[in-house]
Structures are given as structure tokens and as C-alpha cells.
Amino acid sequence: MDVRPDHAARRHQSRPGRLALVAADLDDLRGPTGGIVELPHRLIWQAPPLRRFDLDDPYQLCRMYEIVLREAVRADELRAWLEGPTLHRLWLDLYLPRGVRQAWEERHPELARLRSAA
């Protein structure tokens, strides 16, 4: 999986001091799409019960995607937790820092087109 720290990520931050990480190809994202998952402590600094997400619940699914998109610093984290078609489907419902949204939309114009079509 190619990740572009030299492209959009260099110009966009997920928060101060953290560059946005962007997958080069949405097809490389093959994470879970249902059931209960528990994110690692590195992604969400909460006690284990608060790191668990029921991906069959639309709210919890969006919340988990928001956390991964904001906190991931390695390509394997994107691959492990995100799924391309699900990201595409959820894109307009995700509450993301401006830098994360801009970085992903620059690399994946199809995501930007979703916003312009809405």
C-alpha cells in the first residue's frame, strides 16, 4: 500500500503536530465491515470497553472511522481498520478535521465529488 506523506499529507495535518496519512488506493483498505472490533490503545487512549465498536451500529462505525482517519500514523493501521467501499459510503457522514478531509479528497477526487454532488 502506497501512502503519500510527500503529497497531501505534508500540507495537511490531522491535528497540530500530526500529519494526515492517506492511502494511495481505496482498494487497499480491507478492514472489518461488521461485528465488534477493539481498536488498539495507540489509536484511542481509553479503557478497553471504550475502545470497542459495534460496526453494525452506524454511529459506532462512523466514530471508529473518524478515530482511525485522525490518529493513524502507519499504512498498516489504515489497512487493518478501514474498508474502501465503506469509507466511500460514509464519507459525507464523517466528522473529520479539515486537514484530514482535504488530504484524502486531494488524493481521492471521487471523495471530493461526493461533497460537491450533495
PDB file of N, CA and C in Angstrom:
ATOM      1  N   MET A   1       0.852  -1.177   0.000  1.00  0.00           N
ATOM      2  CA  MET A   1       0.000   0.000   0.000  1.00  0.00           C
ATOM      3  C   MET A   1       0.889   1.228   0.000  1.00  0.00           C
ATOM      4  N   ASP A   2       0.702   2.056  -0.954  1.00  0.00           N
ATOM      5  CA  ASP A   2       1.461   3.292  -1.051  1.00  0.00           C
ATOM      6  C   ASP A   2       0.763   4.350  -0.213  1.00  0.00           C
ATOM      7  N   VAL A   3       1.517   5.053   0.595  1.00  0.00           N
ATOM      8  CA  VAL A   3       0.987   6.155   1.384  1.00  0.00           C
ATOM      9  C   VAL A   3       1.765   7.394   0.984  1.00  0.00           C
ATOM     10  N   ARG A   4       1.101   8.511   0.850  1.00  0.00           N
ATOM     11  CA  ARG A   4       1.714   9.708   0.306  1.00  0.00           C
ATOM     12  C   ARG A   4       2.073  10.756   1.361  1.00  0.00           C
ATOM     13  N   PRO A   5       3.114  10.542   2.172  1.00  0.00           N
ATOM     14  CA  PRO A   5       3.492  11.589   3.101  1.00  0.00           C
ATOM     15  C   PRO A   5       4.097  12.785   2.393  1.00  0.00           C
ATOM     16  N   ASP A   6       4.535  12.604   1.150  1.00  0.00           N
ATOM     17  CA  ASP A   6       5.167  13.679   0.408  1.00  0.00           C
ATOM     18  C   ASP A   6       4.169  14.502  -0.385  1.00  0.00           C
ATOM     19  N   HIS A   7       2.922  14.135  -0.400  1.00  0.00           N
ATOM     20  CA  HIS A   7       1.922  14.826  -1.215  1.00  0.00           C
ATOM     21  C   HIS A   7       0.989  15.605  -0.281  1.00  0.00           C
ATOM     22  N   ALA A   8      -0.233  15.201  -0.225  1.00  0.00           N
ATOM     23  CA  ALA A   8      -1.236  15.920   0.553  1.00  0.00           C
ATOM     24  C   ALA A   8      -0.911  15.927   2.041  1.00  0.00           C
ATOM     25  N   ALA A   9      -0.378  14.820   2.532  1.00  0.00           N
ATOM     26  CA  ALA A   9      -0.124  14.730   3.965  1.00  0.00           C
ATOM     27  C   ALA A   9       0.873  15.772   4.436  1.00  0.00           C
ATOM     28  N   ARG A  10       1.821  16.138   3.598  1.00  0.00           N
ATOM     29  CA  ARG A  10       2.817  17.119   4.016  1.00  0.00           C
ATOM     30  C   ARG A  10       2.178  18.492   4.195  1.00  0.00           C
ATOM     31  N   ARG A  11       1.119  18.737   3.465  1.00  0.00           N
ATOM     32  CA  ARG A  11       0.452  20.034   3.553  1.00  0.00           C
ATOM     33  C   ARG A  11      -0.701  20.053   4.531  1.00  0.00           C
ATOM     34  N   HIS A  12      -1.179  18.898   4.930  1.00  0.00           N
ATOM     35  CA  HIS A  12      -2.381  18.840   5.775  1.00  0.00           C
ATOM     36  C   HIS A  12      -2.100  18.053   7.041  1.00  0.00           C
ATOM     37  N   GLN A  13      -2.601  18.576   8.137  1.00  0.00           N
ATOM     38  CA  GLN A  13      -2.423  17.908   9.416  1.00  0.00           C
ATOM     39  C   GLN A  13      -3.765  17.399   9.928  1.00  0.00           C
ATOM     40  N   SER A  14      -3.702  16.283  10.642  1.00  0.00           N
ATOM     41  CA  SER A  14      -4.918  15.791  11.280  1.00  0.00           C
ATOM     42  C   SER A  14      -5.164  16.565  12.571  1.00  0.00           C
ATOM     43  N   ARG A  15      -4.085  17.041  13.154  1.00  0.00           N
ATOM     44  CA  ARG A  15      -4.121  17.942  14.308  1.00  0.00           C
ATOM     45  C   ARG A  15      -2.726  18.530  14.427  1.00  0.00           C
ATOM     46  N   PRO A  16      -2.526  19.551  15.231  1.00  0.00           N
ATOM     47  CA  PRO A  16      -1.194  20.155  15.309  1.00  0.00           C
ATOM     48  C   PRO A  16      -0.122  19.117  15.645  1.00  0.00           C
ATOM     49  N   GLY A  17       0.882  19.055  14.794  1.00  0.00           N
ATOM     50  CA  GLY A  17       1.982  18.125  15.010  1.00  0.00           C
ATOM     51  C   GLY A  17       1.792  16.743  14.431  1.00  0.00           C
ATOM     52  N   ARG A  18       0.633  16.451  13.874  1.00  0.00           N
ATOM     53  CA  ARG A  18       0.392  15.128  13.288  1.00  0.00           C
ATOM     54  C   ARG A  18      -0.063  15.301  11.851  1.00  0.00           C
ATOM     55  N   LEU A  19       0.741  14.780  10.926  1.00  0.00           N
ATOM     56  CA  LEU A  19       0.393  14.851   9.515  1.00  0.00           C
ATOM     57  C   LEU A  19      -0.714  13.864   9.182  1.00  0.00           C
ATOM     58  N   ALA A  20      -1.580  14.261   8.282  1.00  0.00           N
ATOM     59  CA  ALA A  20      -2.638  13.361   7.809  1.00  0.00           C
ATOM     60  C   ALA A  20      -2.002  12.244   6.994  1.00  0.00           C
ATOM     61  N   LEU A  21      -2.445  11.042   7.220  1.00  0.00           N
ATOM     62  CA  LEU A  21      -1.972   9.869   6.491  1.00  0.00           C
ATOM     63  C   LEU A  21      -3.044   9.480   5.484  1.00  0.00           C
ATOM     64  N   VAL A  22      -2.653   9.271   4.236  1.00  0.00           N
ATOM     65  CA  VAL A  22      -3.611   8.999   3.168  1.00  0.00           C
ATOM     66  C   VAL A  22      -3.197   7.742   2.420  1.00  0.00           C
ATOM     67  N   ALA A  23      -4.132   6.832   2.229  1.00  0.00           N
ATOM     68  CA  ALA A  23      -3.882   5.643   1.415  1.00  0.00           C
ATOM     69  C   ALA A  23      -3.894   6.028  -0.059  1.00  0.00           C
ATOM     70  N   ALA A  24      -2.986   5.452  -0.820  1.00  0.00           N
ATOM     71  CA  ALA A  24      -2.907   5.757  -2.248  1.00  0.00           C
ATOM     72  C   ALA A  24      -4.072   5.158  -3.019  1.00  0.00           C
ATOM     73  N   ASP A  25      -4.611   4.054  -2.546  1.00  0.00           N
ATOM     74  CA  ASP A  25      -5.666   3.348  -3.270  1.00  0.00           C
ATOM     75  C   ASP A  25      -6.710   2.853  -2.283  1.00  0.00           C
ATOM     76  N   LEU A  26      -7.951   3.255  -2.473  1.00  0.00           N
ATOM     77  CA  LEU A  26      -9.017   2.813  -1.565  1.00  0.00           C
ATOM     78  C   LEU A  26      -9.212   1.304  -1.611  1.00  0.00           C
ATOM     79  N   ASP A  27      -8.854   0.668  -2.717  1.00  0.00           N
ATOM     80  CA  ASP A  27      -8.989  -0.787  -2.826  1.00  0.00           C
ATOM     81  C   ASP A  27      -8.046  -1.532  -1.891  1.00  0.00           C
ATOM     82  N   ASP A  28      -6.995  -0.859  -1.398  1.00  0.00           N
ATOM     83  CA  ASP A  28      -6.067  -1.491  -0.459  1.00  0.00           C
ATOM     84  C   ASP A  28      -6.639  -1.564   0.952  1.00  0.00           C
ATOM     85  N   LEU A  29      -7.700  -0.823   1.205  1.00  0.00           N
ATOM     86  CA  LEU A  29      -8.304  -0.789   2.537  1.00  0.00           C
ATOM     87  C   LEU A  29      -9.294  -1.945   2.650  1.00  0.00           C
ATOM     88  N   ARG A  30      -8.940  -2.939   3.454  1.00  0.00           N
ATOM     89  CA  ARG A  30      -9.758  -4.160   3.548  1.00  0.00           C
ATOM     90  C   ARG A  30     -10.042  -4.546   4.987  1.00  0.00           C
ATOM     91  N   GLY A  31     -10.316  -3.561   5.805  1.00  0.00           N
ATOM     92  CA  GLY A  31     -10.588  -3.809   7.215  1.00  0.00           C
ATOM     93  C   GLY A  31     -11.959  -4.418   7.444  1.00  0.00           C
ATOM     94  N   PRO A  32     -12.308  -4.633   8.700  1.00  0.00           N
ATOM     95  CA  PRO A  32     -13.586  -5.257   9.043  1.00  0.00           C
ATOM     96  C   PRO A  32     -14.774  -4.375   8.661  1.00  0.00           C
ATOM     97  N   THR A  33     -15.885  -5.021   8.361  1.00  0.00           N
ATOM     98  CA  THR A  33     -17.091  -4.276   7.978  1.00  0.00           C
ATOM     99  C   THR A  33     -18.279  -4.569   8.890  1.00  0.00           C
ATOM    100  N   GLY A  34     -18.115  -5.451   9.841  1.00  0.00           N
ATOM    101  CA  GLY A  34     -19.201  -5.769  10.752  1.00  0.00           C
ATOM    102  C   GLY A  34     -18.665  -6.403  12.014  1.00  0.00           C
ATOM    103  N   GLY A  35     -19.553  -6.568  12.984  1.00  0.00           N
ATOM    104  CA  GLY A  35     -19.176  -7.188  14.242  1.00  0.00           C
ATOM    105  C   GLY A  35     -18.550  -6.198  15.205  1.00  0.00           C
ATOM    106  N   ILE A  36     -18.008  -6.749  16.279  1.00  0.00           N
ATOM    107  CA  ILE A  36     -17.376  -5.952  17.325  1.00  0.00           C
ATOM    108  C   ILE A  36     -15.867  -5.961  17.091  1.00  0.00           C
ATOM    109  N   VAL A  37     -15.270  -4.769  17.107  1.00  0.00           N
ATOM    110  CA  VAL A  37     -13.814  -4.653  16.998  1.00  0.00           C
ATOM    111  C   VAL A  37     -13.315  -3.815  18.170  1.00  0.00           C
ATOM    112  N   GLU A  38     -12.063  -4.011  18.504  1.00  0.00           N
ATOM    113  CA  GLU A  38     -11.432  -3.210  19.546  1.00  0.00           C
ATOM    114  C   GLU A  38     -10.181  -2.567  18.966  1.00  0.00           C
ATOM    115  N   LEU A  39     -10.196  -1.243  18.918  1.00  0.00           N
ATOM    116  CA  LEU A  39      -9.037  -0.523  18.409  1.00  0.00           C
ATOM    117  C   LEU A  39      -7.903  -0.590  19.422  1.00  0.00           C
ATOM    118  N   PRO A  40      -6.672  -0.579  18.943  1.00  0.00           N
ATOM    119  CA  PRO A  40      -5.545  -0.592  19.867  1.00  0.00           C
ATOM    120  C   PRO A  40      -5.440   0.717  20.650  1.00  0.00           C
ATOM    121  N   HIS A  41      -4.819   0.613  21.797  1.00  0.00           N
ATOM    122  CA  HIS A  41      -4.647   1.759  22.684  1.00  0.00           C
ATOM    123  C   HIS A  41      -3.945   2.914  21.979  1.00  0.00           C
ATOM    124  N   ARG A  42      -3.067   2.633  21.026  1.00  0.00           N
ATOM    125  CA  ARG A  42      -2.344   3.676  20.321  1.00  0.00           C
ATOM    126  C   ARG A  42      -3.284   4.584  19.534  1.00  0.00           C
ATOM    127  N   LEU A  43      -4.399   4.048  19.065  1.00  0.00           N
ATOM    128  CA  LEU A  43      -5.358   4.837  18.291  1.00  0.00           C
ATOM    129  C   LEU A  43      -6.369   5.575  19.164  1.00  0.00           C
ATOM    130  N   ILE A  44      -6.718   4.981  20.291  1.00  0.00           N
ATOM    131  CA  ILE A  44      -7.699   5.629  21.178  1.00  0.00           C
ATOM    132  C   ILE A  44      -7.305   5.338  22.623  1.00  0.00           C
ATOM    133  N   TRP A  45      -6.980   6.376  23.325  1.00  0.00           N
ATOM    134  CA  TRP A  45      -6.464   6.247  24.682  1.00  0.00           C
ATOM    135  C   TRP A  45      -7.604   6.167  25.687  1.00  0.00           C
ATOM    136  N   GLN A  46      -8.326   5.091  25.628  1.00  0.00           N
ATOM    137  CA  GLN A  46      -9.440   4.856  26.539  1.00  0.00           C
ATOM    138  C   GLN A  46      -9.294   3.454  27.125  1.00  0.00           C
ATOM    139  N   ALA A  47     -10.058   3.190  28.159  1.00  0.00           N
ATOM    140  CA  ALA A  47     -10.090   1.845  28.725  1.00  0.00           C
ATOM    141  C   ALA A  47     -10.689   0.897  27.685  1.00  0.00           C
ATOM    142  N   PRO A  48     -10.350  -0.384  27.742  1.00  0.00           N
ATOM    143  CA  PRO A  48     -10.822  -1.340  26.724  1.00  0.00           C
ATOM    144  C   PRO A  48     -12.308  -1.271  26.377  1.00  0.00           C
ATOM    145  N   PRO A  49     -13.216  -1.125  27.334  1.00  0.00           N
ATOM    146  CA  PRO A  49     -14.620  -1.080  26.891  1.00  0.00           C
ATOM    147  C   PRO A  49     -14.915   0.085  25.947  1.00  0.00           C
ATOM    148  N   LEU A  50     -14.228   1.192  26.112  1.00  0.00           N
ATOM    149  CA  LEU A  50     -14.466   2.367  25.275  1.00  0.00           C
ATOM    150  C   LEU A  50     -13.704   2.313  23.957  1.00  0.00           C
ATOM    151  N   ARG A  51     -12.865   1.295  23.801  1.00  0.00           N
ATOM    152  CA  ARG A  51     -12.146   1.098  22.535  1.00  0.00           C
ATOM    153  C   ARG A  51     -12.864   0.096  21.637  1.00  0.00           C
ATOM    154  N   ARG A  52     -13.977  -0.442  22.116  1.00  0.00           N
ATOM    155  CA  ARG A  52     -14.753  -1.423  21.342  1.00  0.00           C
ATOM    156  C   ARG A  52     -15.854  -0.717  20.565  1.00  0.00           C
ATOM    157  N   PHE A  53     -16.022  -1.181  19.330  1.00  0.00           N
ATOM    158  CA  PHE A  53     -17.026  -0.582  18.448  1.00  0.00           C
ATOM    159  C   PHE A  53     -17.827  -1.687  17.784  1.00  0.00           C
ATOM    160  N   ASP A  54     -19.135  -1.511  17.775  1.00  0.00           N
ATOM    161  CA  ASP A  54     -20.032  -2.418  17.064  1.00  0.00           C
ATOM    162  C   ASP A  54     -20.211  -1.844  15.661  1.00  0.00           C
ATOM    163  N   LEU A  55     -19.552  -2.448  14.691  1.00  0.00           N
ATOM    164  CA  LEU A  55     -19.575  -1.912  13.334  1.00  0.00           C
ATOM    165  C   LEU A  55     -20.926  -2.095  12.646  1.00  0.00           C
ATOM    166  N   ASP A  56     -21.830  -2.837  13.265  1.00  0.00           N
ATOM    167  CA  ASP A  56     -23.185  -2.971  12.726  1.00  0.00           C
ATOM    168  C   ASP A  56     -24.070  -1.791  13.152  1.00  0.00           C
ATOM    169  N   ASP A  57     -23.568  -0.967  14.072  1.00  0.00           N
ATOM    170  CA  ASP A  57     -24.264   0.240  14.516  1.00  0.00           C
ATOM    171  C   ASP A  57     -23.692   1.413  13.707  1.00  0.00           C
ATOM    172  N   PRO A  58     -24.510   2.094  12.903  1.00  0.00           N
ATOM    173  CA  PRO A  58     -23.996   3.168  12.038  1.00  0.00           C
ATOM    174  C   PRO A  58     -23.227   4.260  12.783  1.00  0.00           C
ATOM    175  N   TYR A  59     -23.692   4.650  13.964  1.00  0.00           N
ATOM    176  CA  TYR A  59     -22.991   5.676  14.733  1.00  0.00           C
ATOM    177  C   TYR A  59     -21.604   5.192  15.145  1.00  0.00           C
ATOM    178  N   GLN A  60     -21.528   3.990  15.671  1.00  0.00           N
ATOM    179  CA  GLN A  60     -20.239   3.465  16.127  1.00  0.00           C
ATOM    180  C   GLN A  60     -19.288   3.228  14.956  1.00  0.00           C
ATOM    181  N   LEU A  61     -19.826   2.816  13.834  1.00  0.00           N
ATOM    182  CA  LEU A  61     -18.997   2.628  12.634  1.00  0.00           C
ATOM    183  C   LEU A  61     -18.363   3.962  12.224  1.00  0.00           C
ATOM    184  N   CYS A  62     -19.159   5.016  12.158  1.00  0.00           N
ATOM    185  CA  CYS A  62     -18.626   6.337  11.816  1.00  0.00           C
ATOM    186  C   CYS A  62     -17.593   6.789  12.841  1.00  0.00           C
ATOM    187  N   ARG A  63     -17.882   6.610  14.088  1.00  0.00           N
ATOM    188  CA  ARG A  63     -16.952   7.028  15.155  1.00  0.00           C
ATOM    189  C   ARG A  63     -15.618   6.311  15.000  1.00  0.00           C
ATOM    190  N   MET A  64     -15.632   5.016  14.743  1.00  0.00           N
ATOM    191  CA  MET A  64     -14.389   4.262  14.581  1.00  0.00           C
ATOM    192  C   MET A  64     -13.602   4.773  13.375  1.00  0.00           C
ATOM    193  N   TYR A  65     -14.281   5.040  12.247  1.00  0.00           N
ATOM    194  CA  TYR A  65     -13.602   5.559  11.064  1.00  0.00           C
ATOM    195  C   TYR A  65     -12.990   6.926  11.337  1.00  0.00           C
ATOM    196  N   GLU A  66     -13.707   7.777  12.046  1.00  0.00           N
ATOM    197  CA  GLU A  66     -13.180   9.099  12.380  1.00  0.00           C
ATOM    198  C   GLU A  66     -11.889   8.992  13.194  1.00  0.00           C
ATOM    199  N   ILE A  67     -11.883   8.097  14.158  1.00  0.00           N
ATOM    200  CA  ILE A  67     -10.704   7.917  15.006  1.00  0.00           C
ATOM    201  C   ILE A  67      -9.524   7.416  14.180  1.00  0.00           C
ATOM    202  N   VAL A  68      -9.737   6.408  13.364  1.00  0.00           N
ATOM    203  CA  VAL A  68      -8.643   5.848  12.570  1.00  0.00           C
ATOM    204  C   VAL A  68      -8.113   6.885  11.578  1.00  0.00           C
ATOM    205  N   LEU A  69      -8.999   7.584  10.896  1.00  0.00           N
ATOM    206  CA  LEU A  69      -8.553   8.590   9.933  1.00  0.00           C
ATOM    207  C   LEU A  69      -7.779   9.716  10.598  1.00  0.00           C
ATOM    208  N   ARG A  70      -8.127  10.044  11.810  1.00  0.00           N
ATOM    209  CA  ARG A  70      -7.467  11.124  12.531  1.00  0.00           C
ATOM    210  C   ARG A  70      -6.161  10.680  13.186  1.00  0.00           C
ATOM    211  N   GLU A  71      -6.111   9.456  13.697  1.00  0.00           N
ATOM    212  CA  GLU A  71      -4.990   9.032  14.532  1.00  0.00           C
ATOM    213  C   GLU A  71      -3.965   8.114  13.856  1.00  0.00           C
ATOM    214  N   ALA A  72      -4.287   7.518  12.733  1.00  0.00           N
ATOM    215  CA  ALA A  72      -3.355   6.576  12.095  1.00  0.00           C
ATOM    216  C   ALA A  72      -2.065   7.272  11.686  1.00  0.00           C
ATOM    217  N   VAL A  73      -0.953   6.597  11.941  1.00  0.00           N
ATOM    218  CA  VAL A  73       0.351   7.116  11.530  1.00  0.00           C
ATOM    219  C   VAL A  73       1.110   6.102  10.666  1.00  0.00           C
ATOM    220  N   ARG A  74       0.535   4.917  10.487  1.00  0.00           N
ATOM    221  CA  ARG A  74       1.169   3.876   9.674  1.00  0.00           C
ATOM    222  C   ARG A  74       0.149   3.308   8.699  1.00  0.00           C
ATOM    223  N   ALA A  75       0.629   2.948   7.516  1.00  0.00           N
ATOM    224  CA  ALA A  75      -0.238   2.395   6.484  1.00  0.00           C
ATOM    225  C   ALA A  75      -0.952   1.138   6.957  1.00  0.00           C
ATOM    226  N   ASP A  76      -0.290   0.313   7.755  1.00  0.00           N
ATOM    227  CA  ASP A  76      -0.934  -0.918   8.208  1.00  0.00           C
ATOM    228  C   ASP A  76      -2.138  -0.627   9.095  1.00  0.00           C
ATOM    229  N   GLU A  77      -2.161   0.523   9.768  1.00  0.00           N
ATOM    230  CA  GLU A  77      -3.330   0.880  10.574  1.00  0.00           C
ATOM    231  C   GLU A  77      -4.518   1.197   9.668  1.00  0.00           C
ATOM    232  N   LEU A  78      -4.273   1.883   8.579  1.00  0.00           N
ATOM    233  CA  LEU A  78      -5.358   2.151   7.628  1.00  0.00           C
ATOM    234  C   LEU A  78      -5.884   0.850   7.043  1.00  0.00           C
ATOM    235  N   ARG A  79      -4.978  -0.018   6.625  1.00  0.00           N
ATOM    236  CA  ARG A  79      -5.386  -1.312   6.031  1.00  0.00           C
ATOM    237  C   ARG A  79      -6.146  -2.178   7.019  1.00  0.00           C
ATOM    238  N   ALA A  80      -5.726  -2.162   8.274  1.00  0.00           N
ATOM    239  CA  ALA A  80      -6.323  -3.035   9.288  1.00  0.00           C
ATOM    240  C   ALA A  80      -7.730  -2.620   9.692  1.00  0.00           C
ATOM    241  N   TRP A  81      -8.029  -1.318   9.664  1.00  0.00           N
ATOM    242  CA  TRP A  81      -9.276  -0.844  10.258  1.00  0.00           C
ATOM    243  C   TRP A  81     -10.263  -0.221   9.287  1.00  0.00           C
ATOM    244  N   LEU A  82      -9.827   0.166   8.093  1.00  0.00           N
ATOM    245  CA  LEU A  82     -10.733   0.809   7.136  1.00  0.00           C
ATOM    246  C   LEU A  82     -11.009  -0.117   5.964  1.00  0.00           C
ATOM    247  N   GLU A  83     -12.160   0.053   5.356  1.00  0.00           N
ATOM    248  CA  GLU A  83     -12.536  -0.714   4.169  1.00  0.00           C
ATOM    249  C   GLU A  83     -12.970   0.295   3.109  1.00  0.00           C
ATOM    250  N   GLY A  84     -12.404   0.203   1.915  1.00  0.00           N
ATOM    251  CA  GLY A  84     -12.604   1.204   0.872  1.00  0.00           C
ATOM    252  C   GLY A  84     -14.050   1.546   0.562  1.00  0.00           C
ATOM    253  N   PRO A  85     -14.880   0.564   0.178  1.00  0.00           N
ATOM    254  CA  PRO A  85     -16.275   0.894  -0.129  1.00  0.00           C
ATOM    255  C   PRO A  85     -17.034   1.486   1.069  1.00  0.00           C
ATOM    256  N   THR A  86     -16.706   1.035   2.271  1.00  0.00           N
ATOM    257  CA  THR A  86     -17.363   1.593   3.456  1.00  0.00           C
ATOM    258  C   THR A  86     -16.937   3.041   3.667  1.00  0.00           C
ATOM    259  N   LEU A  87     -15.655   3.334   3.501  1.00  0.00           N
ATOM    260  CA  LEU A  87     -15.186   4.710   3.617  1.00  0.00           C
ATOM    261  C   LEU A  87     -15.901   5.598   2.602  1.00  0.00           C
ATOM    262  N   HIS A  88     -16.020   5.137   1.404  1.00  0.00           N
ATOM    263  CA  HIS A  88     -16.713   5.893   0.351  1.00  0.00           C
ATOM    264  C   HIS A  88     -18.168   6.154   0.752  1.00  0.00           C
ATOM    265  N   ARG A  89     -18.830   5.136   1.263  1.00  0.00           N
ATOM    266  CA  ARG A  89     -20.242   5.257   1.658  1.00  0.00           C
ATOM    267  C   ARG A  89     -20.437   6.213   2.831  1.00  0.00           C
ATOM    268  N   LEU A  90     -19.481   6.217   3.767  1.00  0.00           N
ATOM    269  CA  LEU A  90     -19.604   7.029   4.979  1.00  0.00           C
ATOM    270  C   LEU A  90     -19.070   8.451   4.833  1.00  0.00           C
ATOM    271  N   TRP A  91     -18.335   8.724   3.771  1.00  0.00           N
ATOM    272  CA  TRP A  91     -17.537   9.946   3.676  1.00  0.00           C
ATOM    273  C   TRP A  91     -18.296  11.204   4.092  1.00  0.00           C
ATOM    274  N   LEU A  92     -19.499  11.386   3.616  1.00  0.00           N
ATOM    275  CA  LEU A  92     -20.242  12.614   3.921  1.00  0.00           C
ATOM    276  C   LEU A  92     -20.719  12.673   5.369  1.00  0.00           C
ATOM    277  N   ASP A  93     -20.777  11.541   6.046  1.00  0.00           N
ATOM    278  CA  ASP A  93     -21.260  11.497   7.426  1.00  0.00           C
ATOM    279  C   ASP A  93     -20.146  11.600   8.460  1.00  0.00           C
ATOM    280  N   LEU A  94     -18.898  11.589   8.018  1.00  0.00           N
ATOM    281  CA  LEU A  94     -17.780  11.595   8.950  1.00  0.00           C
ATOM    282  C   LEU A  94     -17.443  13.019   9.395  1.00  0.00           C
ATOM    283  N   TYR A  95     -17.221  13.173  10.698  1.00  0.00           N
ATOM    284  CA  TYR A  95     -16.786  14.438  11.270  1.00  0.00           C
ATOM    285  C   TYR A  95     -15.265  14.366  11.386  1.00  0.00           C
ATOM    286  N   LEU A  96     -14.578  15.063  10.486  1.00  0.00           N
ATOM    287  CA  LEU A  96     -13.120  14.968  10.387  1.00  0.00           C
ATOM    288  C   LEU A  96     -12.484  16.346  10.477  1.00  0.00           C
ATOM    289  N   PRO A  97     -11.247  16.398  10.984  1.00  0.00           N
ATOM    290  CA  PRO A  97     -10.512  17.662  10.912  1.00  0.00           C
ATOM    291  C   PRO A  97     -10.344  18.081   9.458  1.00  0.00           C
ATOM    292  N   ARG A  98     -10.342  19.367   9.223  1.00  0.00           N
ATOM    293  CA  ARG A  98     -10.240  19.892   7.863  1.00  0.00           C
ATOM    294  C   ARG A  98      -9.031  19.323   7.120  1.00  0.00           C
ATOM    295  N   GLY A  99      -7.891  19.220   7.795  1.00  0.00           N
ATOM    296  CA  GLY A  99      -6.687  18.717   7.151  1.00  0.00           C
ATOM    297  C   GLY A  99      -6.818  17.283   6.683  1.00  0.00           C
ATOM    298  N   VAL A 100      -7.488  16.457   7.465  1.00  0.00           N
ATOM    299  CA  VAL A 100      -7.691  15.058   7.078  1.00  0.00           C
ATOM    300  C   VAL A 100      -8.591  15.001   5.849  1.00  0.00           C
ATOM    301  N   ARG A 101      -9.700  15.716   5.893  1.00  0.00           N
ATOM    302  CA  ARG A 101     -10.635  15.703   4.758  1.00  0.00           C
ATOM    303  C   ARG A 101      -9.955  16.227   3.493  1.00  0.00           C
ATOM    304  N   GLN A 102      -9.222  17.317   3.595  1.00  0.00           N
ATOM    305  CA  GLN A 102      -8.554  17.884   2.419  1.00  0.00           C
ATOM    306  C   GLN A 102      -7.512  16.931   1.858  1.00  0.00           C
ATOM    307  N   ALA A 103      -6.723  16.312   2.721  1.00  0.00           N
ATOM    308  CA  ALA A 103      -5.680  15.398   2.250  1.00  0.00           C
ATOM    309  C   ALA A 103      -6.287  14.211   1.508  1.00  0.00           C
ATOM    310  N   TRP A 104      -7.340  13.615   2.073  1.00  0.00           N
ATOM    311  CA  TRP A 104      -7.982  12.464   1.425  1.00  0.00           C
ATOM    312  C   TRP A 104      -8.666  12.878   0.130  1.00  0.00           C
ATOM    313  N   GLU A 105      -9.313  14.016   0.114  1.00  0.00           N
ATOM    314  CA  GLU A 105     -10.013  14.451  -1.105  1.00  0.00           C
ATOM    315  C   GLU A 105      -9.046  14.850  -2.211  1.00  0.00           C
ATOM    316  N   GLU A 106      -7.881  15.372  -1.858  1.00  0.00           N
ATOM    317  CA  GLU A 106      -6.883  15.677  -2.882  1.00  0.00           C
ATOM    318  C   GLU A 106      -6.346  14.395  -3.518  1.00  0.00           C
ATOM    319  N   ARG A 107      -6.132  13.379  -2.702  1.00  0.00           N
ATOM    320  CA  ARG A 107      -5.588  12.110  -3.221  1.00  0.00           C
ATOM    321  C   ARG A 107      -6.673  11.288  -3.907  1.00  0.00           C
ATOM    322  N   HIS A 108      -7.911  11.423  -3.437  1.00  0.00           N
ATOM    323  CA  HIS A 108      -9.038  10.638  -3.965  1.00  0.00           C
ATOM    324  C   HIS A 108     -10.154  11.594  -4.398  1.00  0.00           C
ATOM    325  N   PRO A 109     -10.069  12.121  -5.608  1.00  0.00           N
ATOM    326  CA  PRO A 109     -11.073  13.105  -6.073  1.00  0.00           C
ATOM    327  C   PRO A 109     -12.503  12.582  -6.018  1.00  0.00           C
ATOM    328  N   GLU A 110     -12.679  11.260  -6.080  1.00  0.00           N
ATOM    329  CA  GLU A 110     -14.041  10.720  -6.007  1.00  0.00           C
ATOM    330  C   GLU A 110     -14.693  11.056  -4.668  1.00  0.00           C
ATOM    331  N   LEU A 111     -13.903  11.205  -3.615  1.00  0.00           N
ATOM    332  CA  LEU A 111     -14.452  11.619  -2.312  1.00  0.00           C
ATOM    333  C   LEU A 111     -14.863  13.087  -2.350  1.00  0.00           C
ATOM    334  N   ALA A 112     -14.067  13.921  -2.985  1.00  0.00           N
ATOM    335  CA  ALA A 112     -14.430  15.336  -3.122  1.00  0.00           C
ATOM    336  C   ALA A 112     -15.695  15.487  -3.951  1.00  0.00           C
ATOM    337  N   ARG A 113     -15.846  14.663  -4.981  1.00  0.00           N
ATOM    338  CA  ARG A 113     -17.054  14.750  -5.827  1.00  0.00           C
ATOM    339  C   ARG A 113     -18.307  14.408  -5.033  1.00  0.00           C
ATOM    340  N   LEU A 114     -18.188  13.555  -4.023  1.00  0.00           N
ATOM    341  CA  LEU A 114     -19.356  13.239  -3.196  1.00  0.00           C
ATOM    342  C   LEU A 114     -19.875  14.504  -2.521  1.00  0.00           C
ATOM    343  N   ARG A 115     -18.962  15.326  -2.020  1.00  0.00           N
ATOM    344  CA  ARG A 115     -19.377  16.559  -1.338  1.00  0.00           C
ATOM    345  C   ARG A 115     -19.974  17.548  -2.319  1.00  0.00           C
ATOM    346  N   SER A 116     -19.390  17.671  -3.487  1.00  0.00           N
ATOM    347  CA  SER A 116     -19.915  18.636  -4.440  1.00  0.00           C
ATOM    348  C   SER A 116     -21.269  18.198  -5.004  1.00  0.00           C
ATOM    349  N   ALA A 117     -21.533  16.893  -5.007  1.00  0.00           N
ATOM    350  CA  ALA A 117     -22.810  16.386  -5.515  1.00  0.00           C
ATOM    351  C   ALA A 117     -23.915  16.486  -4.465  1.00  0.00           C
ATOM    352  N   ALA A 118     -23.514  16.611  -3.195  1.00  0.00           N
ATOM    353  CA  ALA A 118     -24.522  16.618  -2.101  1.00  0.00           C
ATOM    354  C   ALA A 118     -25.271  17.930  -2.032  1.00  0.00           C
TER     355      ALA A 118
END
